[in-house]
Protein backbone atom coordinates (compact mmCIF):
# COMPACT_ATOMS: atom_id res chain seq x y z
CA MET A 1 0.00 0.00 0.00
CA LYS A 2 2.82 2.41 0.88
CA LYS A 3 4.44 1.73 -2.48
CA LEU A 4 1.24 2.57 -4.35
CA ILE A 5 0.80 5.80 -2.37
CA VAL A 6 4.37 6.87 -3.10
CA LEU A 7 3.95 6.09 -6.79
CA SER A 8 0.68 7.99 -6.97
CA LEU A 9 2.24 11.00 -5.27
CA SER A 10 5.31 10.84 -7.53
CA MET A 11 3.11 10.79 -10.63
CA THR A 12 1.10 13.76 -9.38
CA LEU A 13 4.15 15.82 -8.44
CA PHE A 14 5.99 15.13 -11.67
CA PHE A 15 3.22 15.08 -14.29
CA GLY A 16 0.61 17.26 -12.59
CA CYS A 17 -3.02 16.35 -12.08
CA GLY A 18 -4.05 17.47 -15.56
CA ALA A 19 -1.43 15.36 -17.29
CA ILE A 20 -2.38 12.27 -15.31
CA GLN A 21 -6.06 12.78 -16.08
CA ASN A 22 -5.24 12.92 -19.78
CA MET A 23 -3.30 9.62 -19.66
CA ASN A 24 -5.30 6.58 -20.61
CA LYS A 25 -5.65 3.67 -18.18
CA GLN A 26 -2.91 1.71 -19.90
CA GLN A 27 -0.43 4.57 -19.51
CA GLN A 28 -1.27 5.10 -15.85
CA GLY A 29 -1.05 1.37 -15.23
CA THR A 30 2.27 1.13 -17.03
CA ILE A 31 3.75 3.66 -14.62
CA ALA A 32 2.00 2.69 -11.40
CA GLY A 33 2.25 -1.04 -11.99
CA THR A 34 6.03 -1.12 -12.18
CA ALA A 35 7.08 -0.08 -8.69
CA GLY A 36 10.82 0.27 -8.47
CA GLY A 37 11.26 -1.08 -12.02
CA ALA A 38 12.69 0.19 -15.25
CA LEU A 39 9.35 1.44 -16.52
CA LEU A 40 8.94 3.89 -13.66
CA GLY A 41 12.46 5.16 -14.25
CA ALA A 42 11.65 5.62 -17.91
CA ALA A 43 8.43 7.43 -17.15
CA VAL A 44 9.96 10.05 -14.89
CA SER A 45 13.20 10.59 -16.81
CA LYS A 46 13.18 14.29 -17.70
CA GLY A 47 14.75 13.58 -21.07
CA SER A 48 12.25 10.92 -22.06
CA VAL A 49 8.92 11.28 -23.87
CA TRP A 50 7.06 11.44 -20.56
CA GLY A 51 9.50 13.89 -19.04
CA ILE A 52 9.39 16.17 -22.07
CA LEU A 53 5.59 16.21 -22.14
CA ALA A 54 5.40 16.92 -18.41
CA GLY A 55 8.05 19.61 -18.57
CA ALA A 56 6.43 21.33 -21.54
CA ALA A 57 3.18 22.00 -19.67
CA VAL A 58 2.33 25.70 -19.37
CA GLY A 59 -0.94 25.44 -17.47
CA GLY A 60 -3.73 27.97 -17.01
CA VAL A 61 -5.57 29.60 -19.89
CA ALA A 62 -2.52 29.34 -22.14
CA GLY A 63 -2.28 25.62 -21.44
CA ASN A 64 -5.93 25.17 -22.37
CA LEU A 65 -5.37 26.93 -25.70
CA ILE A 66 -2.36 24.74 -26.43
CA GLY A 67 -4.37 21.69 -25.45
CA LYS A 68 -7.10 22.53 -27.96
CA LYS A 69 -4.50 22.85 -30.71
CA MET A 70 -3.04 19.50 -29.71
CA ASP A 71 -6.51 17.94 -29.70
CA ALA A 72 -6.88 18.86 -33.35
CA GLN A 73 -3.42 17.56 -34.26
CA ALA A 74 -4.00 14.30 -32.38
CA ARG A 75 -7.23 13.72 -34.29
CA GLU A 76 -5.47 14.30 -37.60
CA LEU A 77 -2.62 11.96 -36.65
CA THR A 78 -5.09 9.25 -35.64
CA GLN A 79 -6.87 9.55 -38.98
CA ALA A 80 -3.64 9.71 -40.99
CA VAL A 81 -1.93 6.79 -39.24
CA PRO A 82 -4.61 4.43 -37.88
CA THR A 83 -2.00 1.76 -37.07
CA ALA A 84 -0.24 4.05 -34.57
CA GLU A 85 -1.16 4.65 -30.96
CA VAL A 86 -1.88 8.36 -30.48
CA ASN A 87 -2.59 9.70 -26.99
CA ARG A 88 -3.04 13.19 -25.66
CA VAL A 89 -0.85 13.66 -22.58
CA GLY A 90 -1.00 16.96 -20.71
CA GLU A 91 -0.47 19.69 -23.31
CA GLY A 92 1.20 17.40 -25.83
CA ILE A 93 0.88 14.18 -27.78
CA ASN A 94 2.49 10.77 -27.34
CA MET A 95 2.64 8.76 -30.59
CA THR A 96 3.94 5.21 -30.89
CA PHE A 97 4.18 3.43 -34.21
CA ASP A 98 3.22 -0.23 -34.59
CA SER A 99 6.49 -2.09 -34.02
CA THR A 100 5.40 -4.98 -36.23
CA LEU A 101 5.33 -2.62 -39.24
CA ALA A 102 8.55 -0.75 -38.52
CA PHE A 103 11.80 -2.70 -38.65
CA LYS A 104 12.95 -6.24 -39.20
CA ILE A 105 14.83 -7.83 -36.30
CA ASN A 106 18.35 -6.40 -35.96
CA SER A 107 17.72 -3.88 -38.73
CA SER A 108 17.35 -0.11 -38.87
CA GLU A 109 16.04 -0.12 -42.44
CA LEU A 110 12.59 1.43 -42.68
CA SER A 111 10.02 -1.00 -44.05
CA SER A 112 7.73 0.05 -46.90
CA SER A 113 4.67 0.02 -44.64
CA TYR A 114 6.52 2.10 -42.07
CA LEU A 115 7.56 4.62 -44.71
CA LYS A 116 3.90 5.01 -45.61
CA ASP A 117 2.97 5.72 -41.98
CA LEU A 118 5.87 8.12 -41.47
CA SER A 119 4.98 9.98 -44.65
CA ALA A 120 1.38 10.38 -43.51
CA ALA A 121 2.50 11.62 -40.10
CA ALA A 122 4.94 14.06 -41.70
CA GLN A 123 2.15 15.68 -43.68
CA VAL A 124 0.27 16.37 -40.44
CA PHE A 125 3.41 17.71 -38.75
CA LYS A 126 3.94 20.12 -41.64
CA SER A 127 0.50 21.57 -40.93
CA TYR A 128 1.57 22.37 -37.37
CA PRO A 129 4.98 24.08 -37.71
CA ASP A 130 4.71 25.52 -34.20
CA THR A 131 5.31 22.13 -32.59
CA ASN A 132 8.53 20.28 -31.78
CA ILE A 133 9.00 16.53 -32.02
CA LEU A 134 11.09 14.26 -29.81
CA ILE A 135 11.95 10.94 -31.49
CA GLU A 136 12.97 8.05 -29.24
CA GLY A 137 14.40 4.70 -30.27
CA HIS A 138 13.86 1.60 -28.09
CA THR A 139 14.55 -2.13 -28.31
CA ASP A 140 13.64 -5.26 -26.38
CA ASP A 141 16.18 -7.07 -24.22
CA SER A 142 17.20 -9.70 -26.78
CA GLY A 143 20.95 -9.68 -27.39
CA ALA A 144 23.71 -7.60 -25.85
CA ALA A 145 22.81 -4.29 -24.20
CA GLU A 146 25.55 -2.45 -26.12
CA TYR A 147 24.25 -3.72 -29.44
CA ASN A 148 20.68 -2.79 -28.58
CA TYR A 149 21.75 0.73 -27.60
CA ALA A 150 23.45 1.24 -30.96
CA LEU A 151 20.47 -0.25 -32.81
CA SER A 152 18.02 2.07 -31.07
CA GLU A 153 20.19 5.01 -32.10
CA LYS A 154 20.17 3.92 -35.75
CA ARG A 155 16.41 3.45 -35.72
CA ALA A 156 15.67 6.82 -34.11
CA LYS A 157 17.98 8.58 -36.56
CA ALA A 158 16.44 6.72 -39.50
CA VAL A 159 13.03 8.13 -38.56
CA SER A 160 14.44 11.61 -37.99
CA ASN A 161 16.25 11.60 -41.34
CA TYR A 162 13.10 10.46 -43.12
CA PHE A 163 11.06 13.26 -41.58
CA ILE A 164 13.69 15.74 -42.76
CA SER A 165 13.49 14.26 -46.26
CA GLN A 166 9.73 14.90 -46.15
CA GLY A 167 10.19 18.60 -45.44
CA ILE A 168 10.18 18.70 -41.63
CA SER A 169 12.77 21.21 -40.40
CA SER A 170 15.61 19.57 -38.48
CA SER A 171 15.35 22.41 -35.94
CA ARG A 172 12.03 20.92 -34.81
CA LEU A 173 13.46 17.47 -34.17
CA THR A 174 15.27 16.03 -31.18
CA THR A 175 16.52 12.44 -31.40
CA LYS A 176 17.27 10.19 -28.43
CA TRP A 177 17.79 6.48 -27.93
CA TYR A 178 17.70 4.16 -24.94
CA GLY A 179 18.32 0.62 -26.16
CA GLU A 180 16.59 -1.88 -23.88
CA THR A 181 16.59 0.33 -20.76
CA GLN A 182 13.05 1.74 -21.06
CA PRO A 183 10.64 -1.13 -21.78
CA LYS A 184 7.01 -0.13 -22.06
CA TYR A 185 5.82 -3.72 -21.64
CA PRO A 186 7.21 -6.87 -19.97
CA ASN A 187 9.96 -8.44 -22.06
CA ASP A 188 8.19 -11.78 -22.32
CA GLU A 189 7.17 -13.79 -25.35
CA ALA A 190 3.78 -12.13 -25.61
CA ASN A 191 4.98 -8.53 -25.36
CA ARG A 192 8.66 -8.35 -26.30
CA GLU A 193 7.94 -7.21 -29.86
CA LYS A 194 6.06 -4.16 -28.58
CA ASN A 195 9.23 -2.84 -26.98
CA ARG A 196 10.93 -2.60 -30.40
CA ARG A 197 9.43 0.79 -30.97
CA VAL A 198 9.98 4.37 -32.03
CA GLU A 199 8.03 6.71 -29.82
CA LEU A 200 7.34 10.41 -30.33
CA ALA A 201 6.50 13.35 -28.10
CA ILE A 202 4.88 16.30 -29.88
CA TYR A 203 4.83 19.52 -27.87
CA ALA A 204 4.49 23.29 -28.29
CA ASN A 205 7.51 25.30 -29.37
CA ASP A 206 8.32 28.72 -27.93
CA GLU A 207 6.29 30.52 -30.59
CA MET A 208 3.12 28.57 -29.78
CA VAL A 209 3.65 29.12 -26.07
CA ASP A 210 4.08 32.88 -26.56
CA GLU A 211 0.95 33.08 -28.72
CA ALA A 212 -1.03 31.10 -26.18
CA LYS A 213 0.11 33.32 -23.29
CA SER A 214 -0.88 36.43 -25.26
CA GLY A 215 -4.24 34.90 -26.19
CA LYS A 216 -3.45 34.98 -29.92
CA LEU A 217 -3.33 31.21 -30.51
CA ASP A 218 -6.07 30.14 -32.90
């Protein structure tokens, strides 16, 4: 019981009540259900998707305006890439592509189906130039940790480079990689494949924040 209370308090302090309310049950369970484990460490890492989305929150009236803009972008991303998981988190968006469509095992080459999804997502991102995008590469725990770390780097950079080729400014993109250290699911036979993922955080840039604070954000 103490562990659950501490986890609940940690989530509230770090993400804020609004961010937690905007997480779906799976996301909340992923964090709260991994007491002391790697998933909790991943969730509260300030450089990770969750940390970026929590840290980008403005709050107040400005935060509400940003949230409405993100609502619209999330809907467009869901329609454009129905195979991806798109969730509104706080004042941003968490997007995870279907790992089964992305890469072959031990490869960073983008599959044809993945290119189609990335292209569709890029078209939406181009319609919202006042957002930044964090791209994270992750693997499962198969193989050596050092190899997985390098592979996650190659995969994250492959996605970033493709977005740039589609007209997304490199200044909007941040690329990070974590190898096997931030599993989103248990690394068992049923779920291991889901951890071979590229995950995005979409959040307001300084221009959007300034417009929201001045009440000029449409």
